[in-house]
Protein backbone atom coordinates (compact mmCIF):
# COMPACT_ATOMS: atom_id res chain seq x y z
CA MET A 1 -14.85 -3.04 19.34
CA SER A 2 -14.17 -3.20 15.60
CA ALA A 3 -11.18 -1.36 14.16
CA ARG A 4 -12.25 1.86 12.46
CA PHE A 5 -10.54 2.67 9.16
CA GLY A 6 -10.55 6.08 7.51
CA VAL A 7 -10.14 6.14 3.71
CA VAL A 8 -8.74 9.43 2.41
CA VAL A 9 -10.34 10.59 -0.85
CA PHE A 10 -8.62 12.99 -3.22
CA PRO A 11 -10.04 14.52 -6.43
CA GLY A 12 -9.31 11.76 -8.93
CA SER A 13 -9.26 8.85 -6.48
CA ASN A 14 -11.23 5.95 -7.94
CA CYS A 15 -10.59 2.99 -5.63
CA GLU A 16 -11.95 4.39 -2.38
CA GLN A 17 -15.26 2.55 -2.77
CA ASP A 18 -13.43 -0.73 -3.39
CA VAL A 19 -11.47 -0.22 -0.17
CA VAL A 20 -14.52 0.66 1.92
CA TYR A 21 -16.43 -2.31 0.50
CA ALA A 22 -13.53 -4.67 1.25
CA LEU A 23 -13.12 -3.42 4.82
CA ARG A 24 -16.83 -3.65 5.56
CA PHE A 25 -16.99 -7.11 3.96
CA LEU A 26 -14.26 -8.17 6.38
CA GLY A 27 -16.31 -6.85 9.29
CA TYR A 28 -14.48 -3.60 9.99
CA ASP A 29 -15.85 -0.08 10.29
CA ALA A 30 -14.81 2.17 7.40
CA ALA A 31 -15.60 5.75 6.44
CA TYR A 32 -14.49 8.27 3.83
CA ILE A 33 -12.22 11.22 4.67
CA TRP A 34 -12.25 14.17 2.26
CA HIS A 35 -8.78 15.46 1.37
CA GLN A 36 -9.46 18.78 3.08
CA ASP A 37 -10.42 17.23 6.43
CA ILE A 38 -7.83 17.54 9.17
CA ASP A 39 -9.49 15.85 12.14
CA LEU A 40 -8.54 12.16 12.05
CA SER A 41 -9.16 11.48 15.73
CA ALA A 42 -12.07 9.12 15.01
CA TYR A 43 -9.89 6.57 13.18
CA ASP A 44 -7.62 3.74 14.26
CA ALA A 45 -5.98 3.24 10.85
CA LEU A 46 -5.82 5.18 7.58
CA VAL A 47 -5.92 4.07 3.95
CA LEU A 48 -4.77 6.12 0.95
CA PRO A 49 -6.53 4.43 -1.99
CA GLY A 50 -5.61 4.03 -5.63
CA GLY A 51 -6.65 6.21 -8.53
CA PHE A 52 -5.32 9.32 -10.22
CA SER A 53 -5.24 12.01 -7.55
CA HIS A 54 -5.46 15.44 -9.18
CA GLY A 55 -5.18 13.74 -12.57
CA ASP A 56 -1.60 12.62 -11.86
CA TYR A 57 -0.43 16.05 -13.04
CA LEU A 58 3.22 16.94 -12.38
CA ARG A 59 3.93 13.49 -10.92
CA CYS A 60 1.66 10.86 -9.41
CA GLY A 61 0.84 12.03 -5.89
CA ALA A 62 2.84 15.26 -6.18
CA ILE A 63 -0.20 17.51 -5.72
CA ALA A 64 -2.09 15.27 -3.29
CA ARG A 65 0.96 15.38 -1.04
CA PHE A 66 0.02 19.01 -0.18
CA ALA A 67 -3.61 18.29 0.74
CA PRO A 68 -4.60 19.47 4.25
CA ALA A 69 -5.43 15.90 5.19
CA MET A 70 -1.87 14.81 4.42
CA GLU A 71 -0.42 16.96 7.19
CA ALA A 72 -2.87 15.24 9.52
CA VAL A 73 -1.83 11.87 8.06
CA ARG A 74 1.80 12.76 8.77
CA ARG A 75 1.02 13.60 12.41
CA PHE A 76 -1.03 10.41 12.71
CA ALA A 77 1.90 8.37 11.38
CA GLU A 78 4.47 10.13 13.56
CA LEU A 79 2.42 9.10 16.61
CA GLY A 80 2.59 5.48 15.47
CA GLY A 81 -0.80 5.31 13.78
CA PRO A 82 -1.03 2.65 11.04
CA VAL A 83 -1.25 3.94 7.46
CA ILE A 84 -1.46 1.97 4.22
CA GLY A 85 -1.11 3.44 0.74
CA ILE A 86 -2.32 1.34 -2.19
CA CYS A 87 -1.12 2.12 -5.74
CA ASN A 88 -1.65 5.89 -6.04
CA GLY A 89 -1.68 5.93 -2.24
CA PHE A 90 1.83 4.42 -2.27
CA GLN A 91 2.92 7.12 -4.72
CA ILE A 92 1.51 9.79 -2.39
CA LEU A 93 3.38 8.32 0.59
CA THR A 94 6.68 8.51 -1.27
CA GLU A 95 5.98 12.07 -2.44
CA ALA A 96 5.19 13.00 1.18
CA GLN A 97 8.46 11.31 2.23
CA LEU A 98 6.61 9.04 4.61
CA LEU A 99 8.24 6.21 2.66
CA PRO A 100 11.59 6.25 0.80
CA GLY A 101 12.10 6.04 -2.94
CA ALA A 102 9.86 6.94 -5.87
CA LEU A 103 7.56 5.34 -8.45
CA LEU A 104 8.40 5.91 -12.13
CA ARG A 105 6.79 4.96 -15.43
CA ASN A 106 6.56 1.22 -16.04
CA ARG A 107 9.24 -0.45 -18.10
CA GLY A 108 7.98 -0.38 -21.67
CA LEU A 109 5.86 2.71 -20.89
CA LYS A 110 2.63 0.70 -20.90
CA PHE A 111 -0.24 0.51 -18.43
CA ILE A 112 -0.37 -2.91 -16.75
CA CYS A 113 -3.55 -4.58 -15.53
CA GLU A 114 -3.16 -8.21 -14.45
CA THR A 115 -3.02 -10.50 -11.42
CA VAL A 116 0.53 -11.25 -10.32
CA PRO A 117 2.26 -13.50 -7.79
CA LEU A 118 3.94 -11.74 -4.88
CA ARG A 119 6.38 -13.19 -2.36
CA VAL A 120 6.07 -12.10 1.25
CA GLU A 121 9.46 -11.08 2.65
CA LEU A 122 10.69 -11.16 6.24
CA SER A 123 9.88 -7.64 7.39
CA VAL A 124 8.81 -5.47 10.29
CA CYS A 125 5.53 -4.61 8.55
CA GLN A 126 2.63 -4.65 11.01
CA TRP A 127 -0.01 -4.78 8.28
CA LEU A 128 0.84 -8.30 7.19
CA ASP A 129 1.76 -11.37 9.24
CA LEU A 130 1.93 -14.03 6.55
CA PRO A 131 5.12 -16.11 6.84
CA ALA A 132 8.15 -15.09 4.83
CA GLY A 133 8.21 -17.00 1.55
CA ALA A 134 4.42 -17.20 1.25
CA VAL A 135 3.15 -16.44 -2.25
CA VAL A 136 -0.08 -14.50 -2.77
CA ARG A 137 -1.84 -13.47 -5.97
CA ILE A 138 -2.98 -9.85 -6.10
CA PRO A 139 -4.07 -7.64 -9.04
CA ILE A 140 -1.97 -4.72 -10.23
CA ASN A 141 -3.41 -1.82 -12.20
CA HIS A 142 -0.93 0.99 -12.82
CA ASN A 143 1.18 3.01 -15.22
CA GLU A 144 3.79 4.23 -12.73
CA GLY A 145 4.74 1.28 -10.55
CA ASN A 146 8.45 1.10 -11.30
CA TYR A 147 9.94 1.47 -7.81
CA VAL A 148 13.37 3.10 -7.56
CA CYS A 149 15.70 4.30 -4.83
CA ASP A 150 19.42 4.84 -4.43
CA PRO A 151 21.73 1.93 -3.50
CA GLU A 152 22.24 3.14 0.08
CA THR A 153 18.49 3.36 0.69
CA LEU A 154 17.94 -0.11 -0.77
CA ALA A 155 20.68 -1.62 1.41
CA GLY A 156 19.30 0.09 4.50
CA MET A 157 15.75 -1.12 3.84
CA GLU A 158 17.02 -4.66 3.41
CA VAL A 159 18.89 -4.57 6.72
CA ARG A 160 15.99 -2.97 8.60
CA GLY A 161 13.35 -5.33 7.20
CA GLN A 162 11.43 -2.67 5.28
CA ILE A 163 10.95 -4.64 2.05
CA VAL A 164 7.57 -6.32 2.50
CA LEU A 165 6.65 -7.74 -0.91
CA ARG A 166 8.49 -8.67 -4.07
CA TYR A 167 7.16 -9.63 -7.47
CA CYS A 168 8.04 -13.25 -8.13
CA GLU A 169 7.36 -16.29 -10.27
CA PRO A 170 4.37 -18.53 -9.38
CA ASP A 171 6.63 -20.85 -7.35
CA GLY A 172 8.05 -17.96 -5.31
CA SER A 173 11.38 -17.79 -7.12
CA ARG A 174 12.64 -14.67 -8.86
CA ALA A 175 13.70 -14.69 -12.49
CA PRO A 176 17.36 -13.78 -13.11
CA GLU A 177 16.27 -10.90 -15.35
CA GLY A 178 13.72 -9.77 -12.74
CA SER A 179 10.11 -10.76 -12.10
CA ALA A 180 8.60 -7.29 -11.78
CA PRO A 181 6.34 -6.64 -14.80
CA ASN A 182 6.88 -2.91 -14.32
CA GLY A 183 10.67 -3.08 -14.01
CA ALA A 184 10.73 -2.24 -10.29
CA LEU A 185 14.16 -2.22 -8.65
CA ASP A 186 14.95 -5.53 -6.93
CA ASP A 187 11.40 -6.70 -7.81
CA ILE A 188 9.99 -4.49 -5.02
CA ALA A 189 6.20 -4.39 -4.84
CA GLY A 190 5.73 -3.04 -1.31
CA ILE A 191 7.75 -1.42 1.47
CA CYS A 192 7.19 -0.05 4.97
CA ASN A 193 8.77 2.49 7.29
CA GLU A 194 11.25 1.48 9.98
CA SER A 195 8.56 0.83 12.59
CA GLY A 196 6.38 -1.14 10.17
CA THR A 197 3.32 1.05 10.71
CA VAL A 198 3.34 2.85 7.32
CA PHE A 199 2.99 0.43 4.42
CA GLY A 200 2.90 1.20 0.71
CA LEU A 201 2.29 -1.26 -2.11
CA MET A 202 1.40 -1.07 -5.79
CA PRO A 203 -0.90 -4.16 -5.94
CA HIS A 204 -4.58 -3.88 -4.94
CA PRO A 205 -5.42 -6.30 -2.09
CA GLU A 206 -8.87 -4.70 -1.65
CA ARG A 207 -9.96 -6.27 -4.94
CA VAL A 208 -9.50 -9.86 -3.78
CA VAL A 209 -11.17 -10.25 -0.40
CA ASP A 210 -14.62 -11.66 -1.15
CA GLY A 211 -13.81 -14.47 -3.60
CA ILE A 212 -15.84 -13.01 -6.46
CA ALA A 213 -12.69 -12.90 -8.59
CA GLY A 214 -11.75 -16.38 -7.39
CA LEU A 215 -9.24 -15.09 -4.81
CA THR A 216 -9.32 -14.00 -1.18
CA ASP A 217 -5.59 -13.33 -0.78
CA GLY A 218 -6.18 -9.65 -0.10
CA ALA A 219 -7.91 -10.23 3.24
CA ALA A 220 -4.58 -10.84 4.98
CA PHE A 221 -3.46 -7.31 4.16
CA PHE A 222 -6.04 -5.81 6.53
CA ALA A 223 -6.64 -8.54 9.11
CA ALA A 224 -3.28 -8.30 10.88
CA ILE A 225 -3.45 -4.56 11.59
CA ALA A 226 -7.12 -4.78 12.59
CA ARG A 227 -6.26 -7.56 15.03
CA ARG A 228 -3.43 -5.51 16.53
CA ILE A 229 -5.70 -2.47 16.90
CA GLU A 230 -8.40 -4.50 18.63
CA GLU A 231 -5.84 -6.08 20.98
CA MET A 232 -4.55 -2.63 21.92
CA VAL A 233 -8.09 -1.34 22.59
CA ALA A 234 -8.88 -4.41 24.68
């Protein structure tokens, strides 16, 4: 039985089709969930895609956080269901307090669209099982990707293994002045909750699964959780 992914669509989302295409390309079942839907019982895992939910008014994700589907997403996550938020989806997860911290305007106040190296950290994240220290190349495409949190939260995430990805140099090292093109605290590109089931990241793995752009590094971001789901069903 193939893992079934539900992709939540908000007014202003624009990456939901990329996500569904990527999941189906990888052989998984994927369907759209409108932001007003509250029955998520048909899905094994949920994806909050990138875009500009509700035009990014107030703050990115601040309005989407109140969508009826988000209360259902919260219940799904509290029961241990796997959830991934990509770019705007990550912003929504922080606004909903399903993940700690916040995403601010990029350093330099400019939109960034480029492919960047990311270093996989030793974490409890269940969405990714690449070895710590592995470097992947994934596109970023955002204006508010500057991750911040207070020092106590950062220290706690480090201890609990919640930091999943960091921006890095091509060889996996981190520049003394920081490697995050958006100015993110501690070069953080992706984090998870304490159980590793809720994962948020600014880069777009769904855009590099089929090799058309010359990369397939994004496939690993969905394969691990799909494999775990299928093992549980079996």
